[in-house]
Amino acid sequence: MINPGFFSVIGIGIGAILLYAVLGVILMLLGFYAVDLTTPGKLNVMVREGLPNAVVVTAAGMVSMALIVVTAIYTSSGLLTEGLIQTAVFGIVGILAQVGAVRLLEWVMGIDIGAVLAADRMLPQSYVIAAAHVALGLVVAVAII
């Protein structure tokens, strides 16, 4: 026999999943556009054109954004409204910190990110930038915890 409140719990759970999924997609898009706005050229165009460095750096950026968003969701409080707000705030702050740190690292290392992304062959610098995205995403994710 199913408890009387079972379907209510399922409904609330499905609603929470959908709300967090929508918020996660929004944060991922904000993260992508934060990376795009802070790099020369149109990143989405470079990715569509198959420029290998742009693809690698974008993929690493998306993974790092996902780490931040997942951690923000995981550490959010049990109440749905508070959890969504906490996820949004930590997600946005985390994305800004991560993007700023990567841009700073590129500047310190003297990497011309525009030239790297626009190159039609793989450049070693793109691996450094990609690794920085993932590493800083991990740092920000742990800082959220």
C-alpha atoms as a PDB file:
ATOM      1  CA  MET A   1       0.000   0.000   0.000  1.00  0.00           C
ATOM      2  CA  ILE A   2       1.317   3.436  -0.914  1.00  0.00           C
ATOM      3  CA  ASN A   3       1.297   6.117   1.773  1.00  0.00           C
ATOM      4  CA  PRO A   4      -1.217   8.916   1.145  1.00  0.00           C
ATOM      5  CA  GLY A   5       1.481  11.610   0.854  1.00  0.00           C
ATOM      6  CA  PHE A   6       3.672   9.605  -1.536  1.00  0.00           C
ATOM      7  CA  PHE A   7       2.516  11.227  -4.773  1.00  0.00           C
ATOM      8  CA  SER A   8       2.791  14.679  -3.227  1.00  0.00           C
ATOM      9  CA  VAL A   9       6.442  13.979  -2.408  1.00  0.00           C
ATOM     10  CA  ILE A  10       7.035  12.690  -5.950  1.00  0.00           C
ATOM     11  CA  GLY A  11       5.384  15.793  -7.432  1.00  0.00           C
ATOM     12  CA  ILE A  12       7.457  18.145  -5.284  1.00  0.00           C
ATOM     13  CA  GLY A  13      10.602  16.207  -6.173  1.00  0.00           C
ATOM     14  CA  ILE A  14       9.886  16.389  -9.894  1.00  0.00           C
ATOM     15  CA  GLY A  15       9.205  20.112  -9.592  1.00  0.00           C
ATOM     16  CA  ALA A  16      12.490  20.639  -7.730  1.00  0.00           C
ATOM     17  CA  ILE A  17      14.420  18.666 -10.349  1.00  0.00           C
ATOM     18  CA  LEU A  18      12.915  20.736 -13.148  1.00  0.00           C
ATOM     19  CA  LEU A  19      13.558  24.046 -11.364  1.00  0.00           C
ATOM     20  CA  TYR A  20      17.178  23.139 -10.576  1.00  0.00           C
ATOM     21  CA  ALA A  21      17.661  21.903 -14.155  1.00  0.00           C
ATOM     22  CA  VAL A  22      16.365  25.199 -15.568  1.00  0.00           C
ATOM     23  CA  LEU A  23      18.532  27.175 -13.138  1.00  0.00           C
ATOM     24  CA  GLY A  24      21.523  24.987 -13.997  1.00  0.00           C
ATOM     25  CA  VAL A  25      21.065  25.601 -17.724  1.00  0.00           C
ATOM     26  CA  ILE A  26      20.724  29.343 -17.125  1.00  0.00           C
ATOM     27  CA  LEU A  27      23.913  29.374 -15.034  1.00  0.00           C
ATOM     28  CA  MET A  28      25.753  27.319 -17.668  1.00  0.00           C
ATOM     29  CA  LEU A  29      24.669  29.796 -20.345  1.00  0.00           C
ATOM     30  CA  LEU A  30      25.731  32.719 -18.151  1.00  0.00           C
ATOM     31  CA  GLY A  31      29.075  30.995 -17.649  1.00  0.00           C
ATOM     32  CA  PHE A  32      29.513  30.491 -21.375  1.00  0.00           C
ATOM     33  CA  TYR A  33      28.669  34.108 -22.121  1.00  0.00           C
ATOM     34  CA  ALA A  34      30.981  35.298 -19.326  1.00  0.00           C
ATOM     35  CA  VAL A  35      33.816  33.401 -21.010  1.00  0.00           C
ATOM     36  CA  ASP A  36      32.704  34.663 -24.436  1.00  0.00           C
ATOM     37  CA  LEU A  37      32.521  38.306 -23.319  1.00  0.00           C
ATOM     38  CA  THR A  38      35.990  38.174 -21.769  1.00  0.00           C
ATOM     39  CA  THR A  39      37.686  36.660 -24.816  1.00  0.00           C
ATOM     40  CA  PRO A  40      38.345  38.277 -28.182  1.00  0.00           C
ATOM     41  CA  GLY A  41      36.104  37.096 -31.017  1.00  0.00           C
ATOM     42  CA  LYS A  42      32.817  35.234 -30.942  1.00  0.00           C
ATOM     43  CA  LEU A  43      33.455  31.986 -29.131  1.00  0.00           C
ATOM     44  CA  ASN A  44      30.288  30.272 -30.368  1.00  0.00           C
ATOM     45  CA  VAL A  45      31.239  31.048 -33.978  1.00  0.00           C
ATOM     46  CA  MET A  46      34.767  29.702 -33.469  1.00  0.00           C
ATOM     47  CA  VAL A  47      33.351  26.515 -31.948  1.00  0.00           C
ATOM     48  CA  ARG A  48      30.883  26.065 -34.805  1.00  0.00           C
ATOM     49  CA  GLU A  49      33.730  26.549 -37.280  1.00  0.00           C
ATOM     50  CA  GLY A  50      35.594  23.752 -35.499  1.00  0.00           C
ATOM     51  CA  LEU A  51      38.628  25.772 -34.463  1.00  0.00           C
ATOM     52  CA  PRO A  52      40.320  23.187 -32.231  1.00  0.00           C
ATOM     53  CA  ASN A  53      41.645  25.504 -29.522  1.00  0.00           C
ATOM     54  CA  ALA A  54      38.287  27.239 -29.170  1.00  0.00           C
ATOM     55  CA  VAL A  55      36.572  23.850 -28.868  1.00  0.00           C
ATOM     56  CA  VAL A  56      39.005  22.580 -26.190  1.00  0.00           C
ATOM     57  CA  VAL A  57      38.901  25.783 -24.140  1.00  0.00           C
ATOM     58  CA  THR A  58      35.105  26.023 -24.400  1.00  0.00           C
ATOM     59  CA  ALA A  59      34.656  22.383 -23.410  1.00  0.00           C
ATOM     60  CA  ALA A  60      36.909  22.866 -20.387  1.00  0.00           C
ATOM     61  CA  GLY A  61      35.031  26.035 -19.488  1.00  0.00           C
ATOM     62  CA  MET A  62      31.706  24.213 -19.650  1.00  0.00           C
ATOM     63  CA  VAL A  63      33.009  21.381 -17.453  1.00  0.00           C
ATOM     64  CA  SER A  64      34.306  23.889 -14.910  1.00  0.00           C
ATOM     65  CA  MET A  65      30.999  25.786 -14.941  1.00  0.00           C
ATOM     66  CA  ALA A  66      29.158  22.505 -14.401  1.00  0.00           C
ATOM     67  CA  LEU A  67      31.384  21.707 -11.407  1.00  0.00           C
ATOM     68  CA  ILE A  68      30.511  25.066  -9.885  1.00  0.00           C
ATOM     69  CA  VAL A  69      26.778  24.731 -10.590  1.00  0.00           C
ATOM     70  CA  VAL A  70      26.604  21.130  -9.336  1.00  0.00           C
ATOM     71  CA  THR A  71      28.410  22.067  -6.133  1.00  0.00           C
ATOM     72  CA  ALA A  72      26.144  25.068  -5.621  1.00  0.00           C
ATOM     73  CA  ILE A  73      23.092  22.819  -6.036  1.00  0.00           C
ATOM     74  CA  TYR A  74      24.520  20.068  -3.835  1.00  0.00           C
ATOM     75  CA  THR A  75      25.306  22.426  -0.960  1.00  0.00           C
ATOM     76  CA  SER A  76      22.036  24.351  -1.135  1.00  0.00           C
ATOM     77  CA  SER A  77      19.669  24.173   1.803  1.00  0.00           C
ATOM     78  CA  GLY A  78      16.783  21.715   1.974  1.00  0.00           C
ATOM     79  CA  LEU A  79      14.089  24.334   1.403  1.00  0.00           C
ATOM     80  CA  LEU A  80      13.400  24.723  -2.306  1.00  0.00           C
ATOM     81  CA  THR A  81      13.152  28.526  -2.551  1.00  0.00           C
ATOM     82  CA  GLU A  82      16.208  29.096  -0.358  1.00  0.00           C
ATOM     83  CA  GLY A  83      18.104  26.392  -2.221  1.00  0.00           C
ATOM     84  CA  LEU A  84      17.362  27.947  -5.603  1.00  0.00           C
ATOM     85  CA  ILE A  85      18.422  31.396  -4.396  1.00  0.00           C
ATOM     86  CA  GLN A  86      21.588  30.010  -2.794  1.00  0.00           C
ATOM     87  CA  THR A  87      22.409  28.076  -5.965  1.00  0.00           C
ATOM     88  CA  ALA A  88      21.881  31.148  -8.148  1.00  0.00           C
ATOM     89  CA  VAL A  89      24.005  33.418  -5.943  1.00  0.00           C
ATOM     90  CA  PHE A  90      26.840  30.936  -5.415  1.00  0.00           C
ATOM     91  CA  GLY A  91      26.694  29.921  -9.051  1.00  0.00           C
ATOM     92  CA  ILE A  92      26.974  33.502 -10.326  1.00  0.00           C
ATOM     93  CA  VAL A  93      29.720  34.464  -7.868  1.00  0.00           C
ATOM     94  CA  GLY A  94      31.584  31.234  -8.646  1.00  0.00           C
ATOM     95  CA  ILE A  95      31.357  31.765 -12.395  1.00  0.00           C
ATOM     96  CA  LEU A  96      32.626  35.347 -12.085  1.00  0.00           C
ATOM     97  CA  ALA A  97      35.507  34.254  -9.838  1.00  0.00           C
ATOM     98  CA  GLN A  98      36.463  31.420 -12.163  1.00  0.00           C
ATOM     99  CA  VAL A  99      36.360  33.505 -15.348  1.00  0.00           C
ATOM    100  CA  GLY A 100      38.288  36.346 -13.713  1.00  0.00           C
ATOM    101  CA  ALA A 101      40.942  33.983 -12.423  1.00  0.00           C
ATOM    102  CA  VAL A 102      41.440  32.359 -15.837  1.00  0.00           C
ATOM    103  CA  ARG A 103      41.759  35.749 -17.536  1.00  0.00           C
ATOM    104  CA  LEU A 104      44.295  36.796 -14.856  1.00  0.00           C
ATOM    105  CA  LEU A 105      46.289  33.608 -15.387  1.00  0.00           C
ATOM    106  CA  GLU A 106      46.352  34.181 -19.150  1.00  0.00           C
ATOM    107  CA  TRP A 107      47.591  37.725 -18.582  1.00  0.00           C
ATOM    108  CA  VAL A 108      50.289  36.673 -16.098  1.00  0.00           C
ATOM    109  CA  MET A 109      51.509  33.953 -18.457  1.00  0.00           C
ATOM    110  CA  GLY A 110      51.412  36.307 -21.449  1.00  0.00           C
ATOM    111  CA  ILE A 111      49.022  34.106 -23.444  1.00  0.00           C
ATOM    112  CA  ASP A 112      47.284  35.876 -26.313  1.00  0.00           C
ATOM    113  CA  ILE A 113      43.935  34.131 -25.894  1.00  0.00           C
ATOM    114  CA  GLY A 114      42.523  35.676 -29.056  1.00  0.00           C
ATOM    115  CA  ALA A 115      45.334  34.267 -31.194  1.00  0.00           C
ATOM    116  CA  VAL A 116      45.153  30.885 -29.483  1.00  0.00           C
ATOM    117  CA  LEU A 117      41.394  30.531 -29.993  1.00  0.00           C
ATOM    118  CA  ALA A 118      41.524  31.675 -33.615  1.00  0.00           C
ATOM    119  CA  ALA A 119      44.363  29.304 -34.611  1.00  0.00           C
ATOM    120  CA  ASP A 120      43.396  26.551 -37.036  1.00  0.00           C
ATOM    121  CA  ARG A 121      45.759  24.006 -35.447  1.00  0.00           C
ATOM    122  CA  MET A 122      46.124  22.852 -31.871  1.00  0.00           C
ATOM    123  CA  LEU A 123      48.431  25.005 -29.786  1.00  0.00           C
ATOM    124  CA  PRO A 124      49.949  23.897 -26.462  1.00  0.00           C
ATOM    125  CA  GLN A 125      48.646  27.056 -24.792  1.00  0.00           C
ATOM    126  CA  SER A 126      45.066  25.862 -25.223  1.00  0.00           C
ATOM    127  CA  TYR A 127      45.817  22.902 -22.939  1.00  0.00           C
ATOM    128  CA  VAL A 128      47.132  25.276 -20.279  1.00  0.00           C
ATOM    129  CA  ILE A 129      44.024  27.449 -20.554  1.00  0.00           C
ATOM    130  CA  ALA A 130      41.735  24.401 -20.519  1.00  0.00           C
ATOM    131  CA  ALA A 131      43.515  22.985 -17.473  1.00  0.00           C
ATOM    132  CA  ALA A 132      43.233  26.374 -15.760  1.00  0.00           C
ATOM    133  CA  HIS A 133      39.481  26.414 -16.404  1.00  0.00           C
ATOM    134  CA  VAL A 134      38.987  22.973 -14.873  1.00  0.00           C
ATOM    135  CA  ALA A 135      41.402  23.562 -11.982  1.00  0.00           C
ATOM    136  CA  LEU A 136      39.873  26.911 -11.067  1.00  0.00           C
ATOM    137  CA  GLY A 137      36.397  25.449 -11.440  1.00  0.00           C
ATOM    138  CA  LEU A 138      37.391  22.823  -8.874  1.00  0.00           C
ATOM    139  CA  VAL A 139      38.841  25.478  -6.552  1.00  0.00           C
ATOM    140  CA  VAL A 140      35.663  27.560  -6.746  1.00  0.00           C
ATOM    141  CA  ALA A 141      33.490  24.461  -6.302  1.00  0.00           C
ATOM    142  CA  VAL A 142      35.351  23.483  -3.126  1.00  0.00           C
ATOM    143  CA  ALA A 143      35.167  27.075  -1.890  1.00  0.00           C
ATOM    144  CA  ILE A 144      31.370  26.853  -2.165  1.00  0.00           C
ATOM    145  CA  ILE A 145      31.398  23.844   0.151  1.00  0.00           C
END
